[in-house]
Amino acid sequence: MTGPLRDPRELAAATAADRRAHLVDGLTAVECRRCGACALVRKSSLAQTSIQWTAEAVHRCQAYLASTGCADLHGSIDAAVAAGRLPVHGG
């Protein structure tokens, strides 16, 4: 073990904050120009994109594949970055 023992409530709060930072903070809704499906997206750099598909978006998008997502949404993400609607956090 490294460091002092933490109070369980303090640890739970830190865990919740960490979860929020990884799963929610910095996400921007991006709508696909083809089908209108809306996914939550974070660009950590120009090369790294995190996409969280909602159940509604998966059902709406006819091109969605679990392994690759949707090429049309990726195009919409690129357009959102170019238009300044989607910030690139690391660059």
PDB file of N, CA and C in Angstrom:
ATOM      1  N   MET A   1       0.832  -1.161   0.000  1.00  0.00           N
ATOM      2  CA  MET A   1       0.000   0.000   0.000  1.00  0.00           C
ATOM      3  C   MET A   1       0.886   1.236   0.000  1.00  0.00           C
ATOM      4  N   THR A   2       0.485   2.245  -0.765  1.00  0.00           N
ATOM      5  CA  THR A   2       1.250   3.487  -0.772  1.00  0.00           C
ATOM      6  C   THR A   2       0.371   4.609  -0.240  1.00  0.00           C
ATOM      7  N   GLY A   3       0.846   5.331   0.719  1.00  0.00           N
ATOM      8  CA  GLY A   3       0.116   6.457   1.276  1.00  0.00           C
ATOM      9  C   GLY A   3      -0.758   6.056   2.442  1.00  0.00           C
ATOM     10  N   PRO A   4      -1.336   7.064   3.091  1.00  0.00           N
ATOM     11  CA  PRO A   4      -2.159   6.804   4.270  1.00  0.00           C
ATOM     12  C   PRO A   4      -3.522   6.223   3.883  1.00  0.00           C
ATOM     13  N   LEU A   5      -4.148   5.534   4.846  1.00  0.00           N
ATOM     14  CA  LEU A   5      -5.510   5.045   4.648  1.00  0.00           C
ATOM     15  C   LEU A   5      -6.448   6.237   4.547  1.00  0.00           C
ATOM     16  N   ARG A   6      -7.450   6.111   3.686  1.00  0.00           N
ATOM     17  CA  ARG A   6      -8.403   7.199   3.513  1.00  0.00           C
ATOM     18  C   ARG A   6      -9.753   6.803   4.093  1.00  0.00           C
ATOM     19  N   ASP A   7     -10.451   7.791   4.585  1.00  0.00           N
ATOM     20  CA  ASP A   7     -11.810   7.592   5.066  1.00  0.00           C
ATOM     21  C   ASP A   7     -12.652   7.065   3.900  1.00  0.00           C
ATOM     22  N   PRO A   8     -13.493   6.055   4.117  1.00  0.00           N
ATOM     23  CA  PRO A   8     -14.305   5.491   3.022  1.00  0.00           C
ATOM     24  C   PRO A   8     -15.168   6.520   2.311  1.00  0.00           C
ATOM     25  N   ARG A   9     -15.693   7.511   3.033  1.00  0.00           N
ATOM     26  CA  ARG A   9     -16.513   8.555   2.386  1.00  0.00           C
ATOM     27  C   ARG A   9     -15.655   9.430   1.483  1.00  0.00           C
ATOM     28  N   GLU A  10     -14.448   9.738   1.925  1.00  0.00           N
ATOM     29  CA  GLU A  10     -13.526  10.537   1.123  1.00  0.00           C
ATOM     30  C   GLU A  10     -13.128   9.760  -0.138  1.00  0.00           C
ATOM     31  N   LEU A  11     -12.863   8.478   0.040  1.00  0.00           N
ATOM     32  CA  LEU A  11     -12.506   7.632  -1.098  1.00  0.00           C
ATOM     33  C   LEU A  11     -13.667   7.522  -2.087  1.00  0.00           C
ATOM     34  N   ALA A  12     -14.894   7.373  -1.577  1.00  0.00           N
ATOM     35  CA  ALA A  12     -16.064   7.293  -2.451  1.00  0.00           C
ATOM     36  C   ALA A  12     -16.248   8.588  -3.234  1.00  0.00           C
ATOM     37  N   ALA A  13     -16.048   9.725  -2.578  1.00  0.00           N
ATOM     38  CA  ALA A  13     -16.175  11.014  -3.260  1.00  0.00           C
ATOM     39  C   ALA A  13     -15.105  11.174  -4.331  1.00  0.00           C
ATOM     40  N   ALA A  14     -13.883  10.770  -4.025  1.00  0.00           N
ATOM     41  CA  ALA A  14     -12.790  10.858  -4.995  1.00  0.00           C
ATOM     42  C   ALA A  14     -13.046   9.929  -6.179  1.00  0.00           C
ATOM     43  N   THR A  15     -13.583   8.752  -5.905  1.00  0.00           N
ATOM     44  CA  THR A  15     -13.900   7.809  -6.975  1.00  0.00           C
ATOM     45  C   THR A  15     -14.989   8.374  -7.872  1.00  0.00           C
ATOM     46  N   ALA A  16     -16.024   8.961  -7.277  1.00  0.00           N
ATOM     47  CA  ALA A  16     -17.108   9.555  -8.059  1.00  0.00           C
ATOM     48  C   ALA A  16     -16.590  10.708  -8.921  1.00  0.00           C
ATOM     49  N   ALA A  17     -15.714  11.529  -8.364  1.00  0.00           N
ATOM     50  CA  ALA A  17     -15.140  12.642  -9.125  1.00  0.00           C
ATOM     51  C   ALA A  17     -14.297  12.128 -10.283  1.00  0.00           C
ATOM     52  N   ASP A  18     -13.524  11.082 -10.026  1.00  0.00           N
ATOM     53  CA  ASP A  18     -12.698  10.487 -11.078  1.00  0.00           C
ATOM     54  C   ASP A  18     -13.570   9.911 -12.184  1.00  0.00           C
ATOM     55  N   ARG A  19     -14.635   9.230 -11.804  1.00  0.00           N
ATOM     56  CA  ARG A  19     -15.564   8.654 -12.792  1.00  0.00           C
ATOM     57  C   ARG A  19     -16.173   9.750 -13.652  1.00  0.00           C
ATOM     58  N   ARG A  20     -16.618  10.851 -13.014  1.00  0.00           N
ATOM     59  CA  ARG A  20     -17.188  11.985 -13.749  1.00  0.00           C
ATOM     60  C   ARG A  20     -16.170  12.547 -14.730  1.00  0.00           C
ATOM     61  N   ALA A  21     -14.940  12.703 -14.282  1.00  0.00           N
ATOM     62  CA  ALA A  21     -13.892  13.272 -15.136  1.00  0.00           C
ATOM     63  C   ALA A  21     -13.657  12.421 -16.371  1.00  0.00           C
ATOM     64  N   HIS A  22     -13.726  11.104 -16.218  1.00  0.00           N
ATOM     65  CA  HIS A  22     -13.464  10.219 -17.347  1.00  0.00           C
ATOM     66  C   HIS A  22     -14.680   9.977 -18.226  1.00  0.00           C
ATOM     67  N   LEU A  23     -15.878  10.033 -17.654  1.00  0.00           N
ATOM     68  CA  LEU A  23     -17.065   9.646 -18.409  1.00  0.00           C
ATOM     69  C   LEU A  23     -17.971  10.796 -18.820  1.00  0.00           C
ATOM     70  N   VAL A  24     -17.837  11.958 -18.197  1.00  0.00           N
ATOM     71  CA  VAL A  24     -18.786  13.032 -18.460  1.00  0.00           C
ATOM     72  C   VAL A  24     -18.103  14.351 -18.829  1.00  0.00           C
ATOM     73  N   ASP A  25     -17.112  14.763 -18.035  1.00  0.00           N
ATOM     74  CA  ASP A  25     -16.495  16.076 -18.245  1.00  0.00           C
ATOM     75  C   ASP A  25     -15.897  16.192 -19.639  1.00  0.00           C
ATOM     76  N   GLY A  26     -16.128  17.330 -20.247  1.00  0.00           N
ATOM     77  CA  GLY A  26     -15.548  17.597 -21.552  1.00  0.00           C
ATOM     78  C   GLY A  26     -16.297  16.976 -22.715  1.00  0.00           C
ATOM     79  N   LEU A  27     -17.400  16.283 -22.450  1.00  0.00           N
ATOM     80  CA  LEU A  27     -18.172  15.685 -23.541  1.00  0.00           C
ATOM     81  C   LEU A  27     -19.086  16.729 -24.165  1.00  0.00           C
ATOM     82  N   THR A  28     -19.181  16.696 -25.474  1.00  0.00           N
ATOM     83  CA  THR A  28     -20.031  17.607 -26.232  1.00  0.00           C
ATOM     84  C   THR A  28     -20.960  16.770 -27.100  1.00  0.00           C
ATOM     85  N   ALA A  29     -22.228  17.126 -27.140  1.00  0.00           N
ATOM     86  CA  ALA A  29     -23.175  16.426 -28.005  1.00  0.00           C
ATOM     87  C   ALA A  29     -22.877  16.781 -29.462  1.00  0.00           C
ATOM     88  N   VAL A  30     -22.712  15.766 -30.292  1.00  0.00           N
ATOM     89  CA  VAL A  30     -22.496  15.962 -31.729  1.00  0.00           C
ATOM     90  C   VAL A  30     -23.569  15.170 -32.469  1.00  0.00           C
ATOM     91  N   GLU A  31     -24.280  15.860 -33.348  1.00  0.00           N
ATOM     92  CA  GLU A  31     -25.345  15.241 -34.121  1.00  0.00           C
ATOM     93  C   GLU A  31     -24.832  14.836 -35.495  1.00  0.00           C
ATOM     94  N   CYS A  32     -25.148  13.616 -35.884  1.00  0.00           N
ATOM     95  CA  CYS A  32     -24.746  13.119 -37.196  1.00  0.00           C
ATOM     96  C   CYS A  32     -25.507  13.877 -38.282  1.00  0.00           C
ATOM     97  N   ARG A  33     -24.784  14.353 -39.271  1.00  0.00           N
ATOM     98  CA  ARG A  33     -25.404  15.103 -40.366  1.00  0.00           C
ATOM     99  C   ARG A  33     -26.277  14.213 -41.246  1.00  0.00           C
ATOM    100  N   ARG A  34     -26.041  12.901 -41.235  1.00  0.00           N
ATOM    101  CA  ARG A  34     -26.822  12.013 -42.093  1.00  0.00           C
ATOM    102  C   ARG A  34     -28.141  11.605 -41.444  1.00  0.00           C
ATOM    103  N   CYS A  35     -28.069  11.081 -40.207  1.00  0.00           N
ATOM    104  CA  CYS A  35     -29.280  10.503 -39.613  1.00  0.00           C
ATOM    105  C   CYS A  35     -29.808  11.261 -38.405  1.00  0.00           C
ATOM    106  N   GLY A  36     -29.034  12.204 -37.870  1.00  0.00           N
ATOM    107  CA  GLY A  36     -29.473  12.976 -36.718  1.00  0.00           C
ATOM    108  C   GLY A  36     -29.210  12.320 -35.377  1.00  0.00           C
ATOM    109  N   ALA A  37     -28.597  11.123 -35.377  1.00  0.00           N
ATOM    110  CA  ALA A  37     -28.241  10.483 -34.105  1.00  0.00           C
ATOM    111  C   ALA A  37     -27.271  11.395 -33.359  1.00  0.00           C
ATOM    112  N   CYS A  38     -27.439  11.467 -32.050  1.00  0.00           N
ATOM    113  CA  CYS A  38     -26.600  12.357 -31.244  1.00  0.00           C
ATOM    114  C   CYS A  38     -25.764  11.526 -30.282  1.00  0.00           C
ATOM    115  N   ALA A  39     -24.442  11.661 -30.380  1.00  0.00           N
ATOM    116  CA  ALA A  39     -23.515  10.967 -29.488  1.00  0.00           C
ATOM    117  C   ALA A  39     -22.744  12.009 -28.685  1.00  0.00           C
ATOM    118  N   LEU A  40     -22.192  11.587 -27.562  1.00  0.00           N
ATOM    119  CA  LEU A  40     -21.381  12.468 -26.729  1.00  0.00           C
ATOM    120  C   LEU A  40     -19.917  12.239 -27.079  1.00  0.00           C
ATOM    121  N   VAL A  41     -19.196  13.333 -27.345  1.00  0.00           N
ATOM    122  CA  VAL A  41     -17.853  13.235 -27.908  1.00  0.00           C
ATOM    123  C   VAL A  41     -16.886  14.122 -27.135  1.00  0.00           C
ATOM    124  N   ARG A  42     -15.664  13.612 -26.967  1.00  0.00           N
ATOM    125  CA  ARG A  42     -14.570  14.407 -26.407  1.00  0.00           C
ATOM    126  C   ARG A  42     -13.355  14.203 -27.290  1.00  0.00           C
ATOM    127  N   LYS A  43     -12.722  15.294 -27.689  1.00  0.00           N
ATOM    128  CA  LYS A  43     -11.474  15.243 -28.448  1.00  0.00           C
ATOM    129  C   LYS A  43     -10.353  15.606 -27.488  1.00  0.00           C
ATOM    130  N   SER A  44      -9.521  14.620 -27.142  1.00  0.00           N
ATOM    131  CA  SER A  44      -8.379  14.871 -26.258  1.00  0.00           C
ATOM    132  C   SER A  44      -7.178  15.365 -27.041  1.00  0.00           C
ATOM    133  N   SER A  45      -7.161  15.092 -28.335  1.00  0.00           N
ATOM    134  CA  SER A  45      -6.144  15.590 -29.260  1.00  0.00           C
ATOM    135  C   SER A  45      -6.740  15.445 -30.651  1.00  0.00           C
ATOM    136  N   LEU A  46      -6.040  15.925 -31.654  1.00  0.00           N
ATOM    137  CA  LEU A  46      -6.558  15.756 -33.012  1.00  0.00           C
ATOM    138  C   LEU A  46      -6.645  14.285 -33.400  1.00  0.00           C
ATOM    139  N   ALA A  47      -5.773  13.457 -32.821  1.00  0.00           N
ATOM    140  CA  ALA A  47      -5.753  12.033 -33.169  1.00  0.00           C
ATOM    141  C   ALA A  47      -6.637  11.177 -32.264  1.00  0.00           C
ATOM    142  N   GLN A  48      -7.047  11.696 -31.098  1.00  0.00           N
ATOM    143  CA  GLN A  48      -7.789  10.867 -30.139  1.00  0.00           C
ATOM    144  C   GLN A  48      -9.197  11.413 -29.944  1.00  0.00           C
ATOM    145  N   THR A  49     -10.170  10.529 -30.183  1.00  0.00           N
ATOM    146  CA  THR A  49     -11.582  10.883 -30.045  1.00  0.00           C
ATOM    147  C   THR A  49     -12.265   9.850 -29.163  1.00  0.00           C
ATOM    148  N   SER A  50     -12.991  10.309 -28.152  1.00  0.00           N
ATOM    149  CA  SER A  50     -13.811   9.427 -27.317  1.00  0.00           C
ATOM    150  C   SER A  50     -15.262   9.664 -27.690  1.00  0.00           C
ATOM    151  N   ILE A  51     -15.981   8.584 -27.983  1.00  0.00           N
ATOM    152  CA  ILE A  51     -17.386   8.690 -28.373  1.00  0.00           C
ATOM    153  C   ILE A  51     -18.206   7.810 -27.447  1.00  0.00           C
ATOM    154  N   GLN A  52     -19.222   8.403 -26.843  1.00  0.00           N
ATOM    155  CA  GLN A  52     -20.169   7.643 -26.041  1.00  0.00           C
ATOM    156  C   GLN A  52     -21.495   7.630 -26.785  1.00  0.00           C
ATOM    157  N   TRP A  53     -21.847   6.445 -27.251  1.00  0.00           N
ATOM    158  CA  TRP A  53     -23.109   6.259 -27.948  1.00  0.00           C
ATOM    159  C   TRP A  53     -24.211   6.027 -26.932  1.00  0.00           C
ATOM    160  N   THR A  54     -25.315   6.736 -27.071  1.00  0.00           N
ATOM    161  CA  THR A  54     -26.479   6.481 -26.238  1.00  0.00           C
ATOM    162  C   THR A  54     -27.295   5.370 -26.903  1.00  0.00           C
ATOM    163  N   ALA A  55     -28.142   4.720 -26.128  1.00  0.00           N
ATOM    164  CA  ALA A  55     -29.006   3.671 -26.697  1.00  0.00           C
ATOM    165  C   ALA A  55     -29.883   4.254 -27.796  1.00  0.00           C
ATOM    166  N   GLU A  56     -30.372   5.468 -27.593  1.00  0.00           N
ATOM    167  CA  GLU A  56     -31.215   6.117 -28.600  1.00  0.00           C
ATOM    168  C   GLU A  56     -30.454   6.332 -29.907  1.00  0.00           C
ATOM    169  N   ALA A  57     -29.198   6.783 -29.811  1.00  0.00           N
ATOM    170  CA  ALA A  57     -28.397   7.014 -31.017  1.00  0.00           C
ATOM    171  C   ALA A  57     -28.120   5.711 -31.755  1.00  0.00           C
ATOM    172  N   VAL A  58     -27.832   4.644 -31.020  1.00  0.00           N
ATOM    173  CA  VAL A  58     -27.580   3.338 -31.643  1.00  0.00           C
ATOM    174  C   VAL A  58     -28.809   2.882 -32.411  1.00  0.00           C
ATOM    175  N   HIS A  59     -29.985   3.061 -31.831  1.00  0.00           N
ATOM    176  CA  HIS A  59     -31.219   2.643 -32.502  1.00  0.00           C
ATOM    177  C   HIS A  59     -31.529   3.510 -33.712  1.00  0.00           C
ATOM    178  N   ARG A  60     -31.172   4.774 -33.654  1.00  0.00           N
ATOM    179  CA  ARG A  60     -31.484   5.704 -34.739  1.00  0.00           C
ATOM    180  C   ARG A  60     -30.551   5.528 -35.943  1.00  0.00           C
ATOM    181  N   CYS A  61     -29.289   5.197 -35.674  1.00  0.00           N
ATOM    182  CA  CYS A  61     -28.280   5.128 -36.740  1.00  0.00           C
ATOM    183  C   CYS A  61     -28.299   3.749 -37.412  1.00  0.00           C
ATOM    184  N   GLN A  62     -28.654   3.716 -38.679  1.00  0.00           N
ATOM    185  CA  GLN A  62     -28.690   2.463 -39.434  1.00  0.00           C
ATOM    186  C   GLN A  62     -27.293   1.980 -39.814  1.00  0.00           C
ATOM    187  N   ALA A  63     -26.304   2.865 -39.761  1.00  0.00           N
ATOM    188  CA  ALA A  63     -24.937   2.508 -40.162  1.00  0.00           C
ATOM    189  C   ALA A  63     -24.053   2.128 -38.984  1.00  0.00           C
ATOM    190  N   TYR A  64     -24.573   2.193 -37.757  1.00  0.00           N
ATOM    191  CA  TYR A  64     -23.772   1.942 -36.558  1.00  0.00           C
ATOM    192  C   TYR A  64     -23.307   0.486 -36.494  1.00  0.00           C
ATOM    193  N   LEU A  65     -22.020   0.323 -36.231  1.00  0.00           N
ATOM    194  CA  LEU A  65     -21.440  -0.990 -35.956  1.00  0.00           C
ATOM    195  C   LEU A  65     -20.705  -0.890 -34.625  1.00  0.00           C
ATOM    196  N   ALA A  66     -20.890  -1.884 -33.756  1.00  0.00           N
ATOM    197  CA  ALA A  66     -20.261  -1.845 -32.442  1.00  0.00           C
ATOM    198  C   ALA A  66     -18.742  -1.728 -32.540  1.00  0.00           C
ATOM    199  N   SER A  67     -18.145  -2.310 -33.561  1.00  0.00           N
ATOM    200  CA  SER A  67     -16.684  -2.320 -33.684  1.00  0.00           C
ATOM    201  C   SER A  67     -16.108  -1.002 -34.190  1.00  0.00           C
ATOM    202  N   THR A  68     -16.856  -0.274 -35.014  1.00  0.00           N
ATOM    203  CA  THR A  68     -16.305   0.925 -35.638  1.00  0.00           C
ATOM    204  C   THR A  68     -17.149   2.176 -35.466  1.00  0.00           C
ATOM    205  N   GLY A  69     -18.339   2.039 -34.910  1.00  0.00           N
ATOM    206  CA  GLY A  69     -19.216   3.197 -34.795  1.00  0.00           C
ATOM    207  C   GLY A  69     -19.865   3.498 -36.124  1.00  0.00           C
ATOM    208  N   CYS A  70     -19.748   4.712 -36.593  1.00  0.00           N
ATOM    209  CA  CYS A  70     -20.383   5.146 -37.843  1.00  0.00           C
ATOM    210  C   CYS A  70     -19.473   6.143 -38.554  1.00  0.00           C
ATOM    211  N   ALA A  71     -19.165   5.852 -39.804  1.00  0.00           N
ATOM    212  CA  ALA A  71     -18.296   6.735 -40.587  1.00  0.00           C
ATOM    213  C   ALA A  71     -18.928   8.111 -40.758  1.00  0.00           C
ATOM    214  N   ASP A  72     -20.258   8.166 -40.900  1.00  0.00           N
ATOM    215  CA  ASP A  72     -20.922   9.459 -41.065  1.00  0.00           C
ATOM    216  C   ASP A  72     -20.792  10.312 -39.806  1.00  0.00           C
ATOM    217  N   LEU A  73     -20.892   9.685 -38.625  1.00  0.00           N
ATOM    218  CA  LEU A  73     -20.709  10.446 -37.384  1.00  0.00           C
ATOM    219  C   LEU A  73     -19.273  10.943 -37.287  1.00  0.00           C
ATOM    220  N   HIS A  74     -18.313  10.126 -37.684  1.00  0.00           N
ATOM    221  CA  HIS A  74     -16.916  10.573 -37.651  1.00  0.00           C
ATOM    222  C   HIS A  74     -16.738  11.811 -38.535  1.00  0.00           C
ATOM    223  N   GLY A  75     -17.400  11.840 -39.681  1.00  0.00           N
ATOM    224  CA  GLY A  75     -17.360  13.027 -40.542  1.00  0.00           C
ATOM    225  C   GLY A  75     -17.996  14.227 -39.875  1.00  0.00           C
ATOM    226  N   SER A  76     -19.089  14.001 -39.163  1.00  0.00           N
ATOM    227  CA  SER A  76     -19.755  15.083 -38.438  1.00  0.00           C
ATOM    228  C   SER A  76     -18.869  15.610 -37.313  1.00  0.00           C
ATOM    229  N   ILE A  77     -18.126  14.728 -36.663  1.00  0.00           N
ATOM    230  CA  ILE A  77     -17.186  15.136 -35.614  1.00  0.00           C
ATOM    231  C   ILE A  77     -16.087  16.002 -36.211  1.00  0.00           C
ATOM    232  N   ASP A  78     -15.516  15.569 -37.319  1.00  0.00           N
ATOM    233  CA  ASP A  78     -14.474  16.369 -37.985  1.00  0.00           C
ATOM    234  C   ASP A  78     -15.001  17.746 -38.362  1.00  0.00           C
ATOM    235  N   ALA A  79     -16.237  17.804 -38.856  1.00  0.00           N
ATOM    236  CA  ALA A  79     -16.838  19.089 -39.233  1.00  0.00           C
ATOM    237  C   ALA A  79     -17.061  19.965 -38.003  1.00  0.00           C
ATOM    238  N   ALA A  80     -17.471  19.360 -36.879  1.00  0.00           N
ATOM    239  CA  ALA A  80     -17.685  20.120 -35.646  1.00  0.00           C
ATOM    240  C   ALA A  80     -16.369  20.703 -35.130  1.00  0.00           C
ATOM    241  N   VAL A  81     -15.278  19.935 -35.241  1.00  0.00           N
ATOM    242  CA  VAL A  81     -13.968  20.443 -34.838  1.00  0.00           C
ATOM    243  C   VAL A  81     -13.571  21.611 -35.744  1.00  0.00           C
ATOM    244  N   ALA A  82     -13.725  21.444 -37.056  1.00  0.00           N
ATOM    245  CA  ALA A  82     -13.340  22.491 -38.012  1.00  0.00           C
ATOM    246  C   ALA A  82     -14.151  23.774 -37.804  1.00  0.00           C
ATOM    247  N   ALA A  83     -15.429  23.626 -37.400  1.00  0.00           N
ATOM    248  CA  ALA A  83     -16.289  24.786 -37.198  1.00  0.00           C
ATOM    249  C   ALA A  83     -16.138  25.399 -35.808  1.00  0.00           C
ATOM    250  N   GLY A  84     -15.334  24.760 -34.946  1.00  0.00           N
ATOM    251  CA  GLY A  84     -15.123  25.273 -33.598  1.00  0.00           C
ATOM    252  C   GLY A  84     -16.225  24.909 -32.616  1.00  0.00           C
ATOM    253  N   ARG A  85     -17.131  24.000 -32.991  1.00  0.00           N
ATOM    254  CA  ARG A  85     -18.209  23.575 -32.087  1.00  0.00           C
ATOM    255  C   ARG A  85     -17.773  22.459 -31.147  1.00  0.00           C
ATOM    256  N   LEU A  86     -16.647  21.821 -31.457  1.00  0.00           N
ATOM    257  CA  LEU A  86     -16.117  20.729 -30.626  1.00  0.00           C
ATOM    258  C   LEU A  86     -14.670  21.049 -30.291  1.00  0.00           C
ATOM    259  N   PRO A  87     -14.387  21.381 -29.020  1.00  0.00           N
ATOM    260  CA  PRO A  87     -13.010  21.743 -28.665  1.00  0.00           C
ATOM    261  C   PRO A  87     -12.080  20.531 -28.650  1.00  0.00           C
ATOM    262  N   VAL A  88     -10.816  20.794 -28.973  1.00  0.00           N
ATOM    263  CA  VAL A  88      -9.772  19.786 -28.861  1.00  0.00           C
ATOM    264  C   VAL A  88      -9.003  20.131 -27.596  1.00  0.00           C
ATOM    265  N   HIS A  89      -9.180  19.320 -26.549  1.00  0.00           N
ATOM    266  CA  HIS A  89      -8.649  19.646 -25.220  1.00  0.00           C
ATOM    267  C   HIS A  89      -7.134  19.617 -25.126  1.00  0.00           C
ATOM    268  N   GLY A  90      -6.494  18.755 -25.873  1.00  0.00           N
ATOM    269  CA  GLY A  90      -5.046  18.647 -25.774  1.00  0.00           C
ATOM    270  C   GLY A  90      -4.311  19.455 -26.822  1.00  0.00           C
ATOM    271  N   GLY A  91      -5.016  20.201 -27.606  1.00  0.00           N
ATOM    272  CA  GLY A  91      -4.311  20.921 -28.648  1.00  0.00           C
ATOM    273  C   GLY A  91      -5.065  22.014 -29.137  1.00  0.00           C
TER     274      GLY A  91
END
